[in-house]
Structure formats: C-alpha cells, structure tokens
Amino acid sequence: MMLAATPLAACGFAPAYGPQGGAQALTRAIEVKAPVTRTDYLMTRQLEDRLGRTDAGDYLLDYTLTLEEERIAITANNITRRFNLIGSADYRLTTPDGTLITKGNVESFVGYSTTGSTVATRAARADAEERLTTILADRIVTRLIAAAPTLPIPGA
C-alpha cells in the first residue's frame, strides 16, 4: 500500500481534505453572496454547508443561477406528465477589493413527475429545485477545491 502511494506523493498529490489539501484553505474563507430568491437560498445554504459560513471572508463568491423547465413526457391529450429542470450557475470568486480569482460555469438537470395532485406537483418541483441547487453548489465547490492551490494567499 505504501509503495502505491509513493508515486502520488512525488507528483505533488495531496488529498483535498487532508492537512495540506485545497479544501482546508477554503474552509470559512469564502463569503457567499446573500440570497434573494428561494432557489438562491437553497444554493447559498449548500455552498455554506460545504465551505463553512463566514461574514468577512478572504474571498467573495458571487453566482448567477438560471433554471429552465423542459416538458419531456407529454400524453396524447397534450398533458405534461414529467419535466426536466435544467440549471446553470455562472460563478465568480473575487477578493474583497474585487480582483477576479477564478470564474466558471456549472450545469446539470433533474426530473420530476406531475402525475399527482396540484399539491404533489408543487412539492415535486420544490424537491427538484433543492436537488438541482445541491448538485450545482457541489460542482462549484469541487472546482474551487481544484483551484485552491493556485489561489493567492490572503494578506500576502
């Protein structure tokens, strides 16, 4: 087992959540933009769950969340029985003075069914929004962790 890890150590590999990993550098160091809508709240909540919450971070994370609905299962009577909820998030990580550190875009989709009552359909859509924002937030965090070794050191 130790022999298998030797080549990884030589190439500069460090576990993301290890003592010298990128995730440690980001924990409680990123202030996420304040939410405005319900989906913004869901996204911000997941980002803060993964990164830790702070009010005065070394970095600021801003994002623009876009959700679109697509009809995918339509009956002969033109009744939609299933939707895809397609999401996209453009994100920007900056220093408090506005210097751009990194930016990117993540995308994903989830589906939900409308075969129940109106209440069940609304609950299914709300659940789909929560699942989608969780996926998008996790993808942003993964990209930030990958970029962490190249981030400028705060105060340097």
Protein backbone atom coordinates (compact mmCIF):
# COMPACT_ATOMS: atom_id res chain seq x y z
CA MET A 1 0.00 0.00 0.00
CA MET A 2 2.79 2.42 0.88
CA LEU A 3 4.52 1.68 -2.42
CA ALA A 4 1.36 2.57 -4.32
CA ALA A 5 1.18 6.00 -2.63
CA THR A 6 4.83 6.87 -3.34
CA PRO A 7 4.33 7.93 -6.99
CA LEU A 8 1.37 10.11 -5.98
CA ALA A 9 3.42 11.92 -3.35
CA ALA A 10 6.18 12.55 -5.87
CA CYS A 11 3.80 14.27 -8.29
CA GLY A 12 2.54 16.72 -5.68
CA PHE A 13 -0.74 14.92 -4.96
CA ALA A 14 -2.38 15.89 -1.69
CA PRO A 15 -5.82 14.75 -0.52
CA ALA A 16 -8.30 17.61 -0.88
CA TYR A 17 -9.48 17.27 2.72
CA GLY A 18 -6.04 16.43 4.14
CA PRO A 19 -3.95 18.83 6.25
CA GLN A 20 -2.36 20.45 3.18
CA GLY A 21 -5.35 19.98 0.87
CA GLY A 22 -7.21 22.69 -1.02
CA ALA A 23 -10.41 22.21 0.95
CA GLN A 24 -8.69 23.31 4.16
CA ALA A 25 -7.61 26.58 2.56
CA LEU A 26 -11.21 27.37 1.60
CA THR A 27 -12.95 26.38 4.83
CA ARG A 28 -14.50 29.50 6.37
CA ALA A 29 -12.55 31.69 3.93
CA ILE A 30 -15.29 32.36 1.36
CA GLU A 31 -18.21 34.70 1.89
CA VAL A 32 -21.13 33.63 -0.33
CA LYS A 33 -23.45 36.28 -1.76
CA ALA A 34 -26.67 36.89 0.14
CA PRO A 35 -29.68 35.05 -1.31
CA VAL A 36 -32.61 36.89 -2.87
CA THR A 37 -34.95 34.12 -4.07
CA ARG A 38 -35.84 30.69 -2.68
CA THR A 39 -33.51 28.96 -5.13
CA ASP A 40 -30.72 31.42 -4.24
CA TYR A 41 -31.29 30.50 -0.60
CA LEU A 42 -31.04 26.78 -1.39
CA MET A 43 -27.83 27.35 -3.35
CA THR A 44 -26.25 29.59 -0.71
CA ARG A 45 -27.20 27.15 2.05
CA GLN A 46 -25.47 24.26 0.27
CA LEU A 47 -22.39 26.33 -0.53
CA GLU A 48 -22.11 27.42 3.11
CA ASP A 49 -22.66 23.84 4.29
CA ARG A 50 -19.70 22.72 2.20
CA LEU A 51 -17.41 25.74 2.67
CA GLY A 52 -18.39 26.94 6.13
CA ARG A 53 -20.19 30.17 6.89
CA THR A 54 -18.36 33.46 7.35
CA ASP A 55 -19.32 37.11 7.34
CA ALA A 56 -15.90 38.51 6.49
CA GLY A 57 -14.13 36.04 4.25
CA ASP A 58 -10.81 36.31 2.43
CA TYR A 59 -12.73 35.74 -0.82
CA LEU A 60 -16.21 36.58 -2.13
CA LEU A 61 -18.26 34.09 -4.14
CA ASP A 62 -20.94 35.51 -6.41
CA TYR A 63 -23.10 33.42 -8.71
CA THR A 64 -25.95 33.77 -11.17
CA LEU A 65 -28.38 30.89 -11.07
CA THR A 66 -30.61 30.12 -14.06
CA LEU A 67 -33.33 27.45 -14.03
CA GLU A 68 -35.41 26.38 -17.01
CA GLU A 69 -38.20 23.85 -17.25
CA GLU A 70 -38.48 21.40 -20.16
CA ARG A 71 -41.51 19.24 -20.90
CA ILE A 72 -40.37 15.68 -21.57
CA ALA A 73 -43.34 13.31 -21.14
CA ILE A 74 -46.48 14.54 -22.89
CA THR A 75 -49.65 12.47 -23.27
CA ALA A 76 -51.76 12.26 -26.43
CA ASN A 77 -54.08 14.81 -24.77
CA ASN A 78 -51.15 17.28 -24.50
CA ILE A 79 -50.83 16.87 -20.73
CA THR A 80 -47.28 17.00 -19.43
CA ARG A 81 -46.52 14.17 -17.01
CA ARG A 82 -42.81 14.79 -16.47
CA PHE A 83 -40.48 17.78 -16.54
CA ASN A 84 -36.76 18.25 -16.58
CA LEU A 85 -35.48 21.16 -14.53
CA ILE A 86 -32.29 22.39 -16.18
CA GLY A 87 -29.93 24.54 -14.16
CA SER A 88 -26.88 26.62 -14.87
CA ALA A 89 -24.74 28.65 -12.49
CA ASP A 90 -22.08 31.15 -13.50
CA TYR A 91 -19.78 31.82 -10.57
CA ARG A 92 -17.01 34.31 -9.78
CA LEU A 93 -14.56 34.14 -6.91
CA THR A 94 -13.02 37.52 -6.11
CA THR A 95 -11.00 39.17 -3.38
CA PRO A 96 -12.82 41.73 -1.21
CA ASP A 97 -11.38 44.54 -3.37
CA GLY A 98 -12.94 42.98 -6.49
CA THR A 99 -9.91 41.27 -8.08
CA LEU A 100 -11.08 38.23 -10.04
CA ILE A 101 -9.52 34.99 -8.80
CA THR A 102 -11.43 32.39 -10.81
CA LYS A 103 -14.74 32.02 -12.61
CA GLY A 104 -16.66 29.31 -14.36
CA ASN A 105 -19.98 27.73 -15.20
CA VAL A 106 -21.61 24.53 -13.99
CA GLU A 107 -24.70 22.84 -15.39
CA SER A 108 -26.95 19.93 -14.54
CA PHE A 109 -30.56 18.78 -14.64
CA VAL A 110 -33.07 16.82 -12.58
CA GLY A 111 -36.52 15.49 -13.38
CA TYR A 112 -39.82 15.44 -11.58
CA SER A 113 -43.24 13.95 -12.16
CA THR A 114 -46.61 15.71 -12.34
CA THR A 115 -48.87 12.67 -12.10
CA GLY A 116 -50.27 13.55 -8.66
CA SER A 117 -52.38 16.38 -7.34
CA THR A 118 -51.51 20.06 -7.65
CA VAL A 119 -50.01 19.97 -4.16
CA ALA A 120 -47.94 16.89 -5.03
CA THR A 121 -46.72 18.53 -8.23
CA ARG A 122 -45.65 21.68 -6.35
CA ALA A 123 -43.86 19.55 -3.76
CA ALA A 124 -42.12 17.59 -6.53
CA ARG A 125 -40.97 20.81 -8.20
CA ALA A 126 -39.69 22.21 -4.89
CA ASP A 127 -37.80 18.98 -4.25
CA ALA A 128 -36.33 19.10 -7.77
CA GLU A 129 -35.14 22.68 -7.18
CA GLU A 130 -33.45 21.61 -3.96
CA ARG A 131 -31.75 18.63 -5.61
CA LEU A 132 -30.60 20.73 -8.56
CA THR A 133 -29.18 23.57 -6.46
CA THR A 134 -27.36 21.00 -4.32
CA ILE A 135 -25.78 19.44 -7.42
CA LEU A 136 -24.76 22.83 -8.82
CA ALA A 137 -23.33 24.04 -5.49
CA ASP A 138 -21.36 20.81 -5.08
CA ARG A 139 -19.91 21.21 -8.57
CA ILE A 140 -18.85 24.79 -7.80
CA VAL A 141 -17.17 23.67 -4.57
CA THR A 142 -15.37 20.86 -6.41
CA ARG A 143 -13.98 23.34 -8.93
CA LEU A 144 -12.95 25.75 -6.17
CA ILE A 145 -11.13 22.96 -4.32
CA ALA A 146 -9.33 22.04 -7.54
CA ALA A 147 -8.29 25.69 -7.98
CA ALA A 148 -7.34 26.18 -4.31
CA PRO A 149 -3.59 25.51 -4.70
CA THR A 150 -3.35 28.46 -7.12
CA LEU A 151 -5.34 30.93 -5.02
CA PRO A 152 -3.46 33.97 -3.75
CA ILE A 153 -2.66 33.83 -0.06
CA PRO A 154 -4.76 36.39 1.84
CA GLY A 155 -2.76 39.28 3.24
CA ALA A 156 0.32 38.46 1.17
